[in-house]
């Protein structure tokens, strides 16, 4: 890989990681037992535009800094795994699609995997929004993470269609 391509990859990961952090930390939508954010939109967009590995790295960076800034440091190990698997699952699934009209399947798969990781996080932390019923709390919170992934993924699709036409993203990285 040329030095120029290495620099471009580093810049892409840093850019999408920073955007993911800002969207996760500052673009929040409160709901009954927590909040939703649009950080996953950036991770999914990065995975589709610059590739699964770079999308995963951007998601790990943005998600970890968002957890740290919000005071959820104990969730960072789960966030690393969840965001990495979101980027890798969406990126490789999307890359393997011959017809991009089936992109929602890739998004569904990524959101599903991420929700499973967060279910274990909520359950292992005894996340208790329903007064002693940890399993319901974990399922409810994981379901909201699943919905967050789906909504963010659907919002990423039109952005992908526009940004993928730009020369910056259409040039292949060796």
C-alpha atoms as a PDB file:
ATOM      1  CA  UNK A   1       0.000   0.000   0.000  1.00  0.00           C
ATOM      2  CA  UNK A   2       1.356   3.389  -0.922  1.00  0.00           C
ATOM      3  CA  UNK A   3       2.083   5.995   1.698  1.00  0.00           C
ATOM      4  CA  UNK A   4      -0.613   8.256   0.234  1.00  0.00           C
ATOM      5  CA  UNK A   5      -3.230   5.495   0.638  1.00  0.00           C
ATOM      6  CA  UNK A   6      -2.092   4.838   4.211  1.00  0.00           C
ATOM      7  CA  UNK A   7      -2.515   8.508   5.068  1.00  0.00           C
ATOM      8  CA  UNK A   8      -5.937   8.543   3.398  1.00  0.00           C
ATOM      9  CA  UNK A   9      -7.039   5.509   5.449  1.00  0.00           C
ATOM     10  CA  UNK A  10      -5.829   7.105   8.696  1.00  0.00           C
ATOM     11  CA  UNK A  11      -7.633  10.337   7.838  1.00  0.00           C
ATOM     12  CA  UNK A  12     -10.839   8.436   6.992  1.00  0.00           C
ATOM     13  CA  UNK A  13     -10.776   6.493  10.257  1.00  0.00           C
ATOM     14  CA  UNK A  14     -10.065   9.645  12.273  1.00  0.00           C
ATOM     15  CA  UNK A  15     -12.743  11.667  10.447  1.00  0.00           C
ATOM     16  CA  UNK A  16     -15.461   9.038  10.754  1.00  0.00           C
ATOM     17  CA  UNK A  17     -14.406   8.240  14.338  1.00  0.00           C
ATOM     18  CA  UNK A  18     -14.727  11.906  15.330  1.00  0.00           C
ATOM     19  CA  UNK A  19     -18.074  12.237  13.539  1.00  0.00           C
ATOM     20  CA  UNK A  20     -19.313   9.085  15.251  1.00  0.00           C
ATOM     21  CA  UNK A  21     -18.323  10.484  18.657  1.00  0.00           C
ATOM     22  CA  UNK A  22     -20.049  13.824  18.024  1.00  0.00           C
ATOM     23  CA  UNK A  23     -23.222  12.153  16.750  1.00  0.00           C
ATOM     24  CA  UNK A  24     -23.300   9.621  19.607  1.00  0.00           C
ATOM     25  CA  UNK A  25     -22.589  12.125  22.349  1.00  0.00           C
ATOM     26  CA  UNK A  26     -24.405  15.256  21.215  1.00  0.00           C
ATOM     27  CA  UNK A  27     -27.238  14.071  18.940  1.00  0.00           C
ATOM     28  CA  UNK A  28     -29.301  12.142  21.456  1.00  0.00           C
ATOM     29  CA  UNK A  29     -33.007  11.369  21.478  1.00  0.00           C
ATOM     30  CA  UNK A  30     -34.294  10.542  24.979  1.00  0.00           C
ATOM     31  CA  UNK A  31     -36.715   7.691  25.498  1.00  0.00           C
ATOM     32  CA  UNK A  32     -38.165   6.045  28.620  1.00  0.00           C
ATOM     33  CA  UNK A  33     -35.130   4.170  29.934  1.00  0.00           C
ATOM     34  CA  UNK A  34     -32.244   5.911  28.208  1.00  0.00           C
ATOM     35  CA  UNK A  35     -31.499   7.606  24.943  1.00  0.00           C
ATOM     36  CA  UNK A  36     -30.919   6.844  21.286  1.00  0.00           C
ATOM     37  CA  UNK A  37     -28.183   8.469  19.237  1.00  0.00           C
ATOM     38  CA  UNK A  38     -27.185   8.679  15.593  1.00  0.00           C
ATOM     39  CA  UNK A  39     -23.572   7.568  15.990  1.00  0.00           C
ATOM     40  CA  UNK A  40     -24.411   4.279  14.253  1.00  0.00           C
ATOM     41  CA  UNK A  41     -25.321   6.237  11.118  1.00  0.00           C
ATOM     42  CA  UNK A  42     -21.698   7.314  10.773  1.00  0.00           C
ATOM     43  CA  UNK A  43     -20.333   3.826  11.489  1.00  0.00           C
ATOM     44  CA  UNK A  44     -22.609   2.238   8.882  1.00  0.00           C
ATOM     45  CA  UNK A  45     -21.827   4.967   6.364  1.00  0.00           C
ATOM     46  CA  UNK A  46     -18.082   4.515   6.951  1.00  0.00           C
ATOM     47  CA  UNK A  47     -18.351   0.742   6.565  1.00  0.00           C
ATOM     48  CA  UNK A  48     -20.117   1.166   3.229  1.00  0.00           C
ATOM     49  CA  UNK A  49     -17.884   3.972   1.911  1.00  0.00           C
ATOM     50  CA  UNK A  50     -14.364   3.141   3.099  1.00  0.00           C
ATOM     51  CA  UNK A  51     -14.666  -0.536   3.998  1.00  0.00           C
ATOM     52  CA  UNK A  52     -15.514  -2.834   6.864  1.00  0.00           C
ATOM     53  CA  UNK A  53     -12.226  -2.629   8.773  1.00  0.00           C
ATOM     54  CA  UNK A  54     -11.967   1.152   8.624  1.00  0.00           C
ATOM     55  CA  UNK A  55     -15.676   1.458   9.486  1.00  0.00           C
ATOM     56  CA  UNK A  56     -15.164  -0.837  12.468  1.00  0.00           C
ATOM     57  CA  UNK A  57     -12.155   1.171  13.677  1.00  0.00           C
ATOM     58  CA  UNK A  58     -14.068   4.431  13.332  1.00  0.00           C
ATOM     59  CA  UNK A  59     -16.972   2.955  15.281  1.00  0.00           C
ATOM     60  CA  UNK A  60     -14.727   1.687  18.045  1.00  0.00           C
ATOM     61  CA  UNK A  61     -13.050   5.078  18.409  1.00  0.00           C
ATOM     62  CA  UNK A  62     -16.266   7.119  18.338  1.00  0.00           C
ATOM     63  CA  UNK A  63     -18.235   4.744  20.549  1.00  0.00           C
ATOM     64  CA  UNK A  64     -15.519   4.430  23.192  1.00  0.00           C
ATOM     65  CA  UNK A  65     -15.007   8.167  23.482  1.00  0.00           C
ATOM     66  CA  UNK A  66     -18.795   8.690  23.664  1.00  0.00           C
ATOM     67  CA  UNK A  67     -19.074   6.140  26.484  1.00  0.00           C
ATOM     68  CA  UNK A  68     -16.165   7.727  28.298  1.00  0.00           C
ATOM     69  CA  UNK A  69     -17.568  11.257  27.938  1.00  0.00           C
ATOM     70  CA  UNK A  70     -21.014  10.125  29.110  1.00  0.00           C
ATOM     71  CA  UNK A  71     -19.618   8.387  32.201  1.00  0.00           C
ATOM     72  CA  UNK A  72     -20.226   4.833  30.996  1.00  0.00           C
ATOM     73  CA  UNK A  73     -16.622   3.656  31.111  1.00  0.00           C
ATOM     74  CA  UNK A  74     -17.629   0.179  32.224  1.00  0.00           C
ATOM     75  CA  UNK A  75     -19.419  -0.313  28.882  1.00  0.00           C
ATOM     76  CA  UNK A  76     -16.296   0.378  26.801  1.00  0.00           C
ATOM     77  CA  UNK A  77     -15.289  -3.299  26.355  1.00  0.00           C
ATOM     78  CA  UNK A  78     -18.800  -4.105  25.102  1.00  0.00           C
ATOM     79  CA  UNK A  79     -18.808  -1.028  22.887  1.00  0.00           C
ATOM     80  CA  UNK A  80     -15.506  -2.051  21.288  1.00  0.00           C
ATOM     81  CA  UNK A  81     -16.952  -5.437  20.336  1.00  0.00           C
ATOM     82  CA  UNK A  82     -20.409  -4.126  19.363  1.00  0.00           C
ATOM     83  CA  UNK A  83     -19.191  -1.281  17.149  1.00  0.00           C
ATOM     84  CA  UNK A  84     -16.460  -3.411  15.576  1.00  0.00           C
ATOM     85  CA  UNK A  85     -18.979  -6.112  14.703  1.00  0.00           C
ATOM     86  CA  UNK A  86     -21.457  -3.520  13.425  1.00  0.00           C
ATOM     87  CA  UNK A  87     -18.869  -2.089  11.027  1.00  0.00           C
ATOM     88  CA  UNK A  88     -17.508  -5.474   9.954  1.00  0.00           C
ATOM     89  CA  UNK A  89     -20.937  -7.087   9.497  1.00  0.00           C
ATOM     90  CA  UNK A  90     -22.435  -4.204   7.538  1.00  0.00           C
ATOM     91  CA  UNK A  91     -19.251  -3.563   5.563  1.00  0.00           C
ATOM     92  CA  UNK A  92     -18.608  -7.139   4.428  1.00  0.00           C
ATOM     93  CA  UNK A  93     -22.302  -7.880   3.864  1.00  0.00           C
ATOM     94  CA  UNK A  94     -22.696  -4.703   1.806  1.00  0.00           C
ATOM     95  CA  UNK A  95     -19.495  -5.345  -0.114  1.00  0.00           C
ATOM     96  CA  UNK A  96     -20.718  -8.844  -1.005  1.00  0.00           C
ATOM     97  CA  UNK A  97     -24.022  -7.641  -2.430  1.00  0.00           C
ATOM     98  CA  UNK A  98     -24.101  -7.560  -6.199  1.00  0.00           C
ATOM     99  CA  UNK A  99     -27.312  -5.571  -6.164  1.00  0.00           C
ATOM    100  CA  UNK A 100     -27.121  -2.717  -3.652  1.00  0.00           C
ATOM    101  CA  UNK A 101     -30.914  -2.545  -3.418  1.00  0.00           C
ATOM    102  CA  UNK A 102     -30.560  -5.336  -0.830  1.00  0.00           C
ATOM    103  CA  UNK A 103     -28.450  -3.107   1.437  1.00  0.00           C
ATOM    104  CA  UNK A 104     -31.126  -3.156   4.175  1.00  0.00           C
ATOM    105  CA  UNK A 105     -30.271  -6.836   4.719  1.00  0.00           C
ATOM    106  CA  UNK A 106     -26.668  -5.867   5.538  1.00  0.00           C
ATOM    107  CA  UNK A 107     -27.924  -3.151   7.889  1.00  0.00           C
ATOM    108  CA  UNK A 108     -30.335  -5.559   9.586  1.00  0.00           C
ATOM    109  CA  UNK A 109     -27.519  -8.073  10.134  1.00  0.00           C
ATOM    110  CA  UNK A 110     -25.218  -5.451  11.656  1.00  0.00           C
ATOM    111  CA  UNK A 111     -27.917  -4.058  13.944  1.00  0.00           C
ATOM    112  CA  UNK A 112     -28.865  -7.569  15.037  1.00  0.00           C
ATOM    113  CA  UNK A 113     -25.287  -8.495  15.978  1.00  0.00           C
ATOM    114  CA  UNK A 114     -24.775  -5.200  17.815  1.00  0.00           C
ATOM    115  CA  UNK A 115     -28.005  -5.627  19.801  1.00  0.00           C
ATOM    116  CA  UNK A 116     -26.890  -9.064  20.980  1.00  0.00           C
ATOM    117  CA  UNK A 117     -23.617  -7.681  22.315  1.00  0.00           C
ATOM    118  CA  UNK A 118     -25.409  -4.896  24.159  1.00  0.00           C
ATOM    119  CA  UNK A 119     -27.927  -7.353  25.607  1.00  0.00           C
ATOM    120  CA  UNK A 120     -25.036  -9.091  27.381  1.00  0.00           C
ATOM    121  CA  UNK A 121     -23.684  -5.711  28.487  1.00  0.00           C
ATOM    122  CA  UNK A 122     -26.980  -4.660  30.042  1.00  0.00           C
ATOM    123  CA  UNK A 123     -27.583  -8.022  31.662  1.00  0.00           C
ATOM    124  CA  UNK A 124     -24.042  -8.314  33.057  1.00  0.00           C
ATOM    125  CA  UNK A 125     -24.299  -4.815  34.540  1.00  0.00           C
ATOM    126  CA  UNK A 126     -27.639  -5.666  36.155  1.00  0.00           C
ATOM    127  CA  UNK A 127     -29.116  -2.763  34.248  1.00  0.00           C
ATOM    128  CA  UNK A 128     -32.360  -2.319  36.138  1.00  0.00           C
ATOM    129  CA  UNK A 129     -34.956  -0.079  34.574  1.00  0.00           C
ATOM    130  CA  UNK A 130     -37.809  -2.365  35.624  1.00  0.00           C
ATOM    131  CA  UNK A 131     -37.154  -2.744  39.360  1.00  0.00           C
ATOM    132  CA  UNK A 132     -35.518  -6.129  39.713  1.00  0.00           C
ATOM    133  CA  UNK A 133     -36.422  -7.649  36.371  1.00  0.00           C
ATOM    134  CA  UNK A 134     -32.999  -7.526  34.715  1.00  0.00           C
ATOM    135  CA  UNK A 135     -33.893  -9.729  31.774  1.00  0.00           C
ATOM    136  CA  UNK A 136     -36.742  -7.424  30.685  1.00  0.00           C
ATOM    137  CA  UNK A 137     -34.474  -4.407  31.111  1.00  0.00           C
ATOM    138  CA  UNK A 138     -31.748  -6.045  29.053  1.00  0.00           C
ATOM    139  CA  UNK A 139     -34.156  -7.103  26.276  1.00  0.00           C
ATOM    140  CA  UNK A 140     -35.839  -3.696  26.152  1.00  0.00           C
ATOM    141  CA  UNK A 141     -32.556  -1.812  25.979  1.00  0.00           C
ATOM    142  CA  UNK A 142     -31.072  -4.201  23.415  1.00  0.00           C
ATOM    143  CA  UNK A 143     -34.219  -3.885  21.294  1.00  0.00           C
ATOM    144  CA  UNK A 144     -33.829  -0.101  21.342  1.00  0.00           C
ATOM    145  CA  UNK A 145     -30.196  -0.528  20.221  1.00  0.00           C
ATOM    146  CA  UNK A 146     -31.456  -2.752  17.395  1.00  0.00           C
ATOM    147  CA  UNK A 147     -33.966  -0.088  16.326  1.00  0.00           C
ATOM    148  CA  UNK A 148     -31.257   2.562  16.556  1.00  0.00           C
ATOM    149  CA  UNK A 149     -29.089   0.516  14.181  1.00  0.00           C
ATOM    150  CA  UNK A 150     -31.937   0.000  11.709  1.00  0.00           C
ATOM    151  CA  UNK A 151     -33.017   3.668  11.699  1.00  0.00           C
ATOM    152  CA  UNK A 152     -29.424   4.907  11.402  1.00  0.00           C
ATOM    153  CA  UNK A 153     -28.741   2.420   8.621  1.00  0.00           C
ATOM    154  CA  UNK A 154     -31.775   3.496   6.637  1.00  0.00           C
ATOM    155  CA  UNK A 155     -30.701   7.122   7.052  1.00  0.00           C
ATOM    156  CA  UNK A 156     -27.172   6.217   5.898  1.00  0.00           C
ATOM    157  CA  UNK A 157     -28.377   4.779   2.578  1.00  0.00           C
ATOM    158  CA  UNK A 158     -29.262   8.085   0.853  1.00  0.00           C
ATOM    159  CA  UNK A 159     -26.036   9.610   2.187  1.00  0.00           C
ATOM    160  CA  UNK A 160     -24.111   6.668   0.756  1.00  0.00           C
ATOM    161  CA  UNK A 161     -25.716   7.152  -2.652  1.00  0.00           C
ATOM    162  CA  UNK A 162     -24.602  10.803  -2.730  1.00  0.00           C
ATOM    163  CA  UNK A 163     -21.133  10.401  -1.201  1.00  0.00           C
ATOM    164  CA  UNK A 164     -20.201   7.291  -3.190  1.00  0.00           C
ATOM    165  CA  UNK A 165     -20.307   9.402  -6.355  1.00  0.00           C
ATOM    166  CA  UNK A 166     -17.575  11.691  -5.067  1.00  0.00           C
ATOM    167  CA  UNK A 167     -14.102  11.125  -6.488  1.00  0.00           C
ATOM    168  CA  UNK A 168     -12.654  11.002  -2.972  1.00  0.00           C
ATOM    169  CA  UNK A 169     -14.564   7.847  -2.020  1.00  0.00           C
ATOM    170  CA  UNK A 170     -14.743   6.205  -5.424  1.00  0.00           C
ATOM    171  CA  UNK A 171     -10.949   5.899  -5.728  1.00  0.00           C
ATOM    172  CA  UNK A 172      -9.940   2.407  -4.637  1.00  0.00           C
ATOM    173  CA  UNK A 173      -7.533   2.040  -1.754  1.00  0.00           C
ATOM    174  CA  UNK A 174      -4.829  -0.480  -2.595  1.00  0.00           C
END
